[in-house]
Protein backbone atom coordinates (compact mmCIF):
# COMPACT_ATOMS: atom_id res chain seq x y z
CA MET A 1 62.92 62.39 -41.43
CA LYS A 2 59.44 63.79 -42.07
CA ARG A 3 57.61 65.38 -39.19
CA ALA A 4 54.65 63.30 -38.08
CA TYR A 5 52.53 66.33 -37.30
CA LEU A 6 51.14 69.28 -39.22
CA GLU A 7 51.61 72.91 -38.39
CA LYS A 8 48.63 74.76 -36.97
CA THR A 9 48.84 78.07 -38.76
CA PRO A 10 45.86 80.19 -37.62
CA LEU A 11 43.24 80.44 -40.35
CA ALA A 12 43.38 84.23 -40.69
CA GLN A 13 47.17 84.13 -40.76
CA ALA A 14 47.21 81.43 -43.44
CA GLN A 15 44.82 83.44 -45.61
CA ALA A 16 46.84 86.62 -45.12
CA ARG A 17 50.17 84.91 -45.83
CA TRP A 18 48.96 83.28 -49.04
CA PHE A 19 47.19 86.31 -50.44
CA ALA A 20 50.12 88.57 -49.52
CA ALA A 21 52.41 86.36 -51.59
CA LEU A 22 50.00 86.55 -54.52
CA GLU A 23 49.55 90.31 -54.21
CA GLN A 24 53.32 90.78 -54.10
CA ALA A 25 53.61 88.82 -57.33
CA GLY A 26 50.98 91.08 -58.92
CA TYR A 27 48.77 88.09 -59.37
CA PHE A 28 45.50 89.96 -59.05
CA ASP A 29 46.34 92.61 -61.63
CA ALA A 30 43.36 92.67 -63.96
CA ARG A 31 43.53 90.26 -66.89
CA LEU A 32 41.20 91.70 -69.51
CA GLU A 33 39.48 90.60 -72.68
CA THR A 34 36.94 92.14 -75.03
CA ILE A 35 33.91 90.04 -75.94
CA PRO A 36 30.61 90.60 -77.77
CA THR A 37 28.03 92.10 -75.45
CA VAL A 38 25.54 89.35 -76.27
CA GLU A 39 28.01 86.83 -74.78
CA ALA A 40 28.72 88.83 -71.61
CA PHE A 41 25.93 87.60 -69.33
CA GLU A 42 27.19 87.24 -65.72
CA ARG A 43 30.67 88.45 -66.67
CA ILE A 44 32.47 91.09 -64.58
CA THR A 45 33.17 94.50 -66.11
CA ALA A 46 36.81 95.58 -66.28
CA SER A 47 36.08 99.31 -66.53
CA PRO A 48 33.05 101.62 -66.33
CA ILE A 49 30.59 101.29 -69.22
CA GLN A 50 29.18 104.52 -70.61
CA ALA A 51 26.35 105.08 -73.03
CA LEU A 52 27.72 105.68 -76.51
CA ARG A 53 24.43 107.23 -77.58
CA PRO A 54 21.37 108.51 -75.73
CA VAL A 55 18.50 106.13 -75.00
CA PRO A 56 16.15 106.80 -76.65
CA HIS A 57 18.14 108.61 -79.33
CA VAL A 58 15.02 110.37 -80.75
CA ARG A 59 11.85 111.74 -79.19
CA ALA A 60 9.42 108.84 -79.20
CA ALA A 61 5.74 108.23 -78.62
CA ALA A 62 5.08 106.62 -75.25
CA MET A 63 1.51 105.64 -76.22
CA ASP A 64 -0.54 104.72 -79.26
CA GLY A 65 -2.40 107.83 -80.35
CA ILE A 66 -1.88 111.03 -82.29
CA ALA A 67 0.97 113.51 -82.25
CA VAL A 68 -0.30 117.09 -81.86
CA ARG A 69 0.87 120.61 -81.13
CA ALA A 70 -0.15 121.09 -77.52
CA ASP A 71 -1.04 124.80 -77.95
CA GLN A 72 -3.64 123.88 -80.59
CA THR A 73 -5.60 121.86 -78.02
CA THR A 74 -5.86 124.54 -75.33
CA GLY A 75 -9.46 124.86 -74.20
CA ALA A 76 -10.64 121.46 -75.39
CA ARG A 77 -13.22 119.91 -73.01
CA LEU A 78 -15.64 117.00 -72.88
CA ASP A 79 -18.54 119.30 -73.67
CA ARG A 80 -16.57 121.25 -76.27
CA PRO A 81 -14.20 118.92 -78.17
CA PHE A 82 -11.82 120.29 -80.75
CA VAL A 83 -11.88 118.75 -84.21
CA LEU A 84 -8.39 118.13 -85.57
CA CYS A 85 -7.50 117.34 -89.17
CA LYS A 86 -5.20 114.46 -90.08
CA ASP A 87 -1.77 115.38 -91.47
CA VAL A 88 -2.43 119.02 -90.65
CA ASP A 89 -3.27 119.18 -86.93
CA PHE A 90 -2.24 115.65 -86.02
CA ILE A 91 -0.29 112.63 -87.25
CA GLN A 92 -1.18 109.15 -86.06
CA VAL A 93 1.64 107.42 -84.12
CA ASP A 94 2.21 104.09 -82.42
CA THR A 95 4.19 103.47 -79.27
CA GLY A 96 7.89 103.92 -80.02
CA ASP A 97 7.42 105.93 -83.21
CA PRO A 98 9.58 109.04 -83.57
CA ILE A 99 7.62 112.26 -82.92
CA PRO A 100 7.30 114.19 -86.19
CA GLN A 101 9.05 117.52 -86.45
CA GLY A 102 6.92 120.38 -85.15
CA PHE A 103 4.77 118.24 -82.84
CA ASP A 104 5.31 118.15 -79.07
CA ALA A 105 2.63 115.94 -77.46
CA VAL A 106 0.77 112.68 -77.91
CA ILE A 107 -2.88 112.12 -77.07
CA MET A 108 -3.60 108.46 -76.47
CA LEU A 109 -6.33 106.71 -78.39
CA GLU A 110 -8.53 106.20 -75.32
CA ASP A 111 -9.04 110.00 -75.08
CA LEU A 112 -10.10 110.43 -78.71
CA ASP A 113 -13.03 109.95 -81.05
CA PHE A 114 -12.62 109.70 -84.83
CA PRO A 115 -15.78 111.03 -86.54
CA THR A 116 -14.19 110.37 -89.93
CA SER A 117 -11.04 108.73 -91.20
CA ASN A 118 -9.41 112.16 -91.52
CA THR A 119 -10.54 113.85 -88.30
CA ALA A 120 -10.12 113.35 -84.56
CA GLU A 121 -12.08 114.88 -81.70
CA CYS A 122 -9.86 116.02 -78.83
CA ARG A 123 -11.82 116.23 -75.55
CA LYS A 124 -8.99 117.30 -73.26
CA ALA A 125 -6.17 119.81 -73.66
CA ALA A 126 -2.68 118.34 -74.08
CA PHE A 127 0.48 119.77 -72.57
CA PRO A 128 3.98 119.89 -74.11
CA GLY A 129 5.82 116.61 -73.61
CA GLN A 130 2.68 114.63 -72.81
CA ASN A 131 3.23 110.94 -73.57
CA VAL A 132 6.54 111.75 -75.25
CA ARG A 133 9.81 110.06 -74.32
CA PRO A 134 12.52 112.73 -74.57
CA VAL A 135 15.96 112.06 -75.99
CA GLY A 136 18.10 110.48 -73.26
CA GLU A 137 15.17 109.77 -70.94
CA ASP A 138 16.75 106.43 -69.97
CA PHE A 139 20.45 107.17 -70.52
CA SER A 140 22.08 110.33 -71.76
CA LYS A 141 25.14 110.05 -73.98
CA GLY A 142 28.20 109.49 -71.80
CA GLN A 143 26.18 108.49 -68.73
CA MET A 144 27.61 105.55 -66.79
CA ILE A 145 25.58 102.38 -67.18
CA LEU A 146 27.71 100.20 -64.91
CA PRO A 147 30.84 100.80 -62.84
CA ALA A 148 33.94 98.65 -63.02
CA ARG A 149 33.83 95.28 -61.24
CA ALA A 150 30.07 94.90 -61.72
CA ARG A 151 28.32 91.73 -62.81
CA LEU A 152 26.47 91.98 -66.12
CA SER A 153 22.83 91.09 -65.53
CA PRO A 154 20.29 90.61 -68.35
CA GLU A 155 19.08 94.18 -67.71
CA ALA A 156 22.62 95.51 -67.99
CA ILE A 157 23.20 93.59 -71.23
CA ALA A 158 20.03 95.12 -72.66
CA ALA A 159 21.08 98.63 -71.59
CA CYS A 160 24.55 98.17 -73.08
CA LEU A 161 23.14 97.05 -76.40
CA GLY A 162 20.60 99.83 -76.47
CA SER A 163 23.26 102.45 -75.79
CA GLY A 164 25.50 101.28 -78.61
CA ASN A 165 27.95 99.09 -76.66
CA LEU A 166 28.22 96.05 -78.90
CA ALA A 167 31.45 94.80 -77.29
CA LEU A 168 32.57 95.02 -73.68
CA GLU A 169 35.86 94.82 -71.82
CA VAL A 170 35.52 92.24 -69.06
CA ILE A 171 37.84 90.46 -66.65
CA ARG A 172 39.02 87.19 -68.08
CA ARG A 173 37.70 84.08 -66.40
CA PRO A 174 40.47 82.28 -64.53
CA LYS A 175 41.34 78.78 -65.68
CA VAL A 176 41.44 76.38 -62.75
CA PHE A 177 43.07 72.96 -62.94
CA VAL A 178 41.49 70.25 -60.77
CA LEU A 179 43.44 67.06 -60.08
CA PRO A 180 41.71 64.35 -58.00
CA THR A 181 44.02 61.71 -56.50
CA GLY A 182 43.59 58.57 -54.43
CA THR A 183 44.40 54.89 -54.98
CA GLU A 184 41.33 53.96 -52.95
CA LEU A 185 39.00 55.86 -55.29
CA ALA A 186 37.32 55.12 -58.62
CA SER A 187 35.15 57.09 -61.02
CA PRO A 188 31.46 56.93 -60.06
CA LEU A 189 30.57 56.89 -63.76
CA HIS A 190 31.68 53.26 -64.15
CA PRO A 191 30.91 50.04 -62.25
CA LEU A 192 32.46 50.39 -58.82
CA PRO A 193 35.05 47.77 -57.76
CA PRO A 194 34.33 46.32 -54.30
CA ASP A 195 37.56 47.74 -52.85
CA LYS A 196 37.06 51.29 -54.14
CA TYR A 197 35.09 54.35 -53.08
CA PRO A 198 33.40 56.70 -55.59
CA GLU A 199 35.36 59.89 -56.29
CA THR A 200 32.76 62.64 -55.97
CA ASN A 201 34.75 65.74 -55.03
CA THR A 202 35.30 66.56 -58.71
CA ALA A 203 31.59 67.37 -58.90
CA LEU A 204 31.97 69.77 -55.96
CA PHE A 205 34.90 71.52 -57.62
CA GLU A 206 33.21 71.78 -61.00
CA GLY A 207 29.91 73.07 -59.66
CA TYR A 208 31.34 75.74 -57.40
CA LEU A 209 34.00 76.89 -59.87
CA LYS A 210 31.36 77.37 -62.56
CA ARG A 211 29.08 79.14 -60.10
CA TRP A 212 31.96 81.46 -59.24
CA GLN A 213 32.74 82.37 -62.84
CA ALA A 214 35.86 80.21 -63.27
CA LEU A 215 36.70 77.76 -66.05
CA PRO A 216 37.55 74.34 -64.57
CA THR A 217 39.76 71.78 -66.29
CA LEU A 218 39.04 68.38 -64.74
CA HIS A 219 41.92 65.93 -64.87
CA PRO A 220 41.06 62.22 -64.68
CA LEU A 221 41.54 60.59 -61.30
CA LEU A 222 45.14 59.55 -60.56
CA GLU A 223 46.36 56.93 -58.13
CA ASP A 224 48.72 57.99 -55.34
CA ASN A 225 51.79 57.93 -57.56
CA HIS A 226 54.41 60.64 -57.03
CA PRO A 227 55.79 60.80 -60.61
CA GLN A 228 52.34 60.77 -62.23
CA ILE A 229 50.97 63.52 -59.98
CA LYS A 230 54.11 65.60 -60.48
CA ARG A 231 53.90 65.29 -64.28
CA ALA A 232 50.21 66.28 -64.27
CA ILE A 233 50.96 69.39 -62.20
CA GLU A 234 53.91 70.39 -64.39
CA SER A 235 51.87 70.02 -67.57
CA ALA A 236 49.05 72.17 -66.18
CA LEU A 237 51.15 75.13 -65.05
CA GLN A 238 51.39 77.05 -68.29
CA GLU A 239 47.70 77.00 -69.23
CA HIS A 240 46.08 77.57 -65.84
CA ASP A 241 45.77 80.36 -63.29
CA LEU A 242 45.10 78.22 -60.22
CA LEU A 243 45.83 74.57 -59.49
CA LEU A 244 43.81 72.45 -57.07
CA VAL A 245 45.12 69.03 -56.07
CA ASN A 246 42.59 67.01 -54.13
CA ALA A 247 43.87 64.69 -51.37
CA GLY A 248 47.40 63.60 -50.53
CA THR A 249 47.86 66.62 -48.26
CA SER A 250 48.57 65.00 -44.91
CA LYS A 251 51.65 63.07 -43.66
CA GLY A 252 50.79 59.54 -44.77
CA ARG A 253 53.06 57.37 -46.85
CA GLU A 254 50.99 58.08 -50.00
CA ASP A 255 50.55 61.82 -49.40
CA PHE A 256 52.73 63.46 -52.04
CA THR A 257 51.21 66.90 -52.62
CA THR A 258 53.38 68.81 -50.16
CA ALA A 259 56.60 67.19 -51.33
CA ILE A 260 55.80 67.94 -54.98
CA ILE A 261 55.10 71.60 -54.22
CA GLU A 262 58.41 71.85 -52.36
CA GLU A 263 60.22 70.19 -55.28
CA LEU A 264 58.69 72.44 -57.93
CA GLY A 265 58.17 75.72 -56.11
CA GLN A 266 57.50 77.38 -52.78
CA LEU A 267 55.52 75.93 -49.87
CA ILE A 268 53.70 78.73 -48.04
CA VAL A 269 51.47 76.90 -45.58
CA HIS A 270 50.97 73.26 -44.61
CA GLY A 271 48.40 72.81 -41.90
CA VAL A 272 45.79 75.33 -40.85
CA SER A 273 44.02 75.54 -37.50
CA MET A 274 40.54 74.90 -38.83
CA HIS A 275 38.17 71.96 -38.74
CA PRO A 276 37.44 70.37 -41.07
CA GLY A 277 40.27 71.06 -43.51
CA HIS A 278 43.30 71.08 -41.18
CA PRO A 279 45.78 69.41 -43.63
CA LEU A 280 45.49 72.22 -46.19
CA VAL A 281 48.52 73.01 -48.37
CA LEU A 282 49.18 76.41 -49.99
CA GLY A 283 52.02 77.09 -52.36
CA LEU A 284 53.38 78.74 -55.48
CA ILE A 285 54.94 76.99 -58.48
CA GLN A 286 56.45 79.13 -61.22
CA GLY A 287 54.42 82.01 -59.85
CA LYS A 288 51.16 80.03 -60.08
CA PRO A 289 49.10 79.43 -56.91
CA ILE A 290 48.48 75.82 -55.99
CA VAL A 291 46.22 74.47 -53.25
CA GLY A 292 46.44 71.00 -51.80
CA VAL A 293 42.86 70.32 -50.77
CA PRO A 294 42.09 67.69 -48.09
CA GLY A 295 40.17 64.74 -49.47
CA TYR A 296 37.09 64.52 -47.25
CA PRO A 297 34.16 66.25 -48.98
CA VAL A 298 33.24 68.65 -46.17
CA ALA A 299 36.90 69.62 -45.81
CA THR A 300 36.98 70.18 -49.57
CA TRP A 301 33.92 72.40 -49.28
CA VAL A 302 35.46 74.43 -46.44
CA VAL A 303 38.65 75.03 -48.45
CA LEU A 304 36.59 76.09 -51.45
CA ASP A 305 34.68 78.51 -49.23
CA GLN A 306 37.63 79.90 -47.27
CA PHE A 307 40.39 79.99 -49.88
CA VAL A 308 39.19 79.39 -53.45
CA LEU A 309 36.19 81.74 -53.30
CA PRO A 310 38.25 84.59 -51.76
CA PHE A 311 40.92 83.98 -54.43
CA LEU A 312 38.35 84.34 -57.20
CA GLU A 313 36.77 87.40 -55.59
CA ARG A 314 40.19 89.07 -55.45
CA TRP A 315 40.74 88.08 -59.09
CA TYR A 316 37.54 89.85 -60.10
CA GLY A 317 37.63 92.59 -57.46
CA SER A 318 33.98 91.80 -56.87
CA ALA A 319 31.85 89.67 -54.54
CA LEU A 320 30.70 86.46 -56.19
CA GLN A 321 28.44 85.14 -53.45
CA THR A 322 25.97 86.77 -51.09
CA ARG A 323 26.72 86.23 -47.42
CA ARG A 324 23.48 86.65 -45.49
CA ILE A 325 23.57 86.33 -41.71
CA VAL A 326 20.68 85.47 -39.41
CA THR A 327 20.58 85.37 -35.61
CA ALA A 328 19.44 82.08 -34.13
CA ARG A 329 19.26 80.30 -30.79
CA LEU A 330 21.32 77.14 -30.52
CA ALA A 331 19.18 74.05 -29.98
CA ARG A 332 21.94 71.99 -28.37
CA ARG A 333 25.49 72.43 -27.15
CA VAL A 334 28.37 72.55 -29.62
CA HIS A 335 31.80 71.33 -28.48
CA SER A 336 34.79 72.67 -30.44
CA PRO A 337 38.53 72.20 -29.97
CA LEU A 338 40.34 75.25 -28.64
CA GLY A 339 42.82 76.73 -31.08
CA GLU A 340 40.86 75.80 -34.21
CA VAL A 341 38.14 77.57 -36.14
CA GLU A 342 35.34 75.06 -36.56
CA PHE A 343 32.73 75.14 -39.29
CA VAL A 344 29.52 73.62 -37.97
CA ARG A 345 26.69 72.86 -40.37
CA VAL A 346 23.26 73.65 -38.94
CA ARG A 347 19.64 73.15 -39.87
CA LEU A 348 17.38 76.11 -39.17
CA GLU A 349 13.88 75.89 -37.76
CA GLN A 350 11.65 78.92 -37.35
CA SER A 351 9.56 79.14 -34.20
CA GLU A 352 6.99 81.84 -33.53
CA GLU A 353 9.57 84.26 -32.16
CA GLU A 354 13.01 83.24 -33.44
CA TRP A 355 15.17 80.90 -35.45
CA LEU A 356 16.45 77.71 -33.84
CA ALA A 357 19.77 76.29 -35.07
CA HIS A 358 20.18 72.52 -34.91
CA PRO A 359 23.81 71.38 -35.31
CA LEU A 360 23.99 68.51 -37.78
CA ALA A 361 25.75 65.30 -36.91
CA GLY A 362 28.36 64.21 -39.37
CA LYS A 363 32.09 64.14 -39.83
CA ALA A 364 34.18 65.69 -42.57
CA SER A 365 33.44 62.66 -44.74
CA THR A 366 29.65 63.09 -44.78
CA LEU A 367 28.07 64.89 -47.71
CA SER A 368 24.71 64.58 -45.97
CA SER A 369 25.70 67.30 -43.49
CA LEU A 370 26.14 69.69 -46.44
CA ILE A 371 23.01 68.65 -48.28
CA HIS A 372 20.78 69.11 -45.22
CA ALA A 373 22.46 72.27 -43.93
CA ASP A 374 20.66 75.60 -44.12
CA GLY A 375 23.54 77.54 -42.67
CA LEU A 376 27.02 77.59 -41.23
CA LEU A 377 28.05 78.36 -37.65
CA VAL A 378 31.68 79.46 -37.42
CA VAL A 379 33.12 78.81 -33.94
CA PRO A 380 36.15 81.06 -33.29
CA GLU A 381 39.42 79.41 -32.30
CA GLU A 382 39.44 81.04 -28.85
CA LEU A 383 36.11 79.43 -27.87
CA GLY A 384 35.50 75.86 -26.85
CA GLY A 385 32.06 75.89 -28.41
CA TYR A 386 28.64 77.25 -27.49
CA ALA A 387 26.11 76.24 -24.87
CA GLN A 388 22.56 75.21 -25.60
CA GLY A 389 20.39 78.32 -25.77
CA ASP A 390 23.23 80.67 -26.80
CA VAL A 391 22.30 83.26 -29.41
CA ILE A 392 24.59 82.80 -32.39
CA GLU A 393 25.10 84.09 -35.93
CA VAL A 394 24.47 81.68 -38.80
CA ARG A 395 25.64 82.32 -42.34
CA LEU A 396 22.93 81.16 -44.71
CA LEU A 397 23.90 78.62 -47.36
CA ARG A 398 20.58 78.72 -49.23
């Protein structure tokens, strides 16, 4: 007979247990691929990138003007300009032009007069290297452009191309299978039957997975049907690195996710002491991680934040999201159940002296509490909440 209750595995323990199983299986060993540099924007480097050639690779003019020999201009002044002859004492150059052999300085046009088409008046002495970009001024050959596990920004892409790196070794994007389930749900893209609710969590999964550099595969919505859900999971195992099954994670008569994981593989955790998101399921099937994600949207968001994002960051060995913290004063009391980590959405208001945090009303089913939230207050499991006026830490969501 099935137990009518869920375990309450502490959140930190559930995370540690799941990731330990994945680490033991070597699941976060780097999976690499080589791609054209022009296609590598926002990708994560697999190894350090070094300049294959210096940048610039020749001495270059930093200004429009004339290339000269600096020692031939010594003594030039406003009241005693030196007259230089074209192609003998100077050669005209534009910004970026290579400096001709034998010349070591550039005088910019603003400091010159041209009495004739073949002469220039120099009114100020030049010094060696003036307005000249030396070889390797930006990057010397062999210099590291980016370390391993770094995100490739537009600037980094430009530097890689300029230094001769036309292809880069990056960490492969993980393929994530998303399976929404629920007999009571229907696609929001079609006319909604009166007895159905719109299935919107797929949009949450897709948006966050793309933001976090993963490749989502979105399965059509399935009813709560054990054989159908099982077949969909089995068919997705070979081609995907992570499987997410949305809903069906509790102990109801149409909750099949846990049973299917136990049939096909190893159940690691069922039930975590956090709110929302308590009926979370973690498992392995044929060595592939699978997460049974509770169906309410805020619970879905919490699982994405607490388990899927850390999974992807371990995959890449790099942070994928900035976690900024601000100190705020709580505008009203927050009650939390002892023994559970609670994730409270708050709206921030700035007064003259400090931030005020207003806890948002709304249950795990309310997307509005996510849309209007500026930050997240995490209440530890050993506390029963916070009193009005307490100074707290808020993790910014925007």
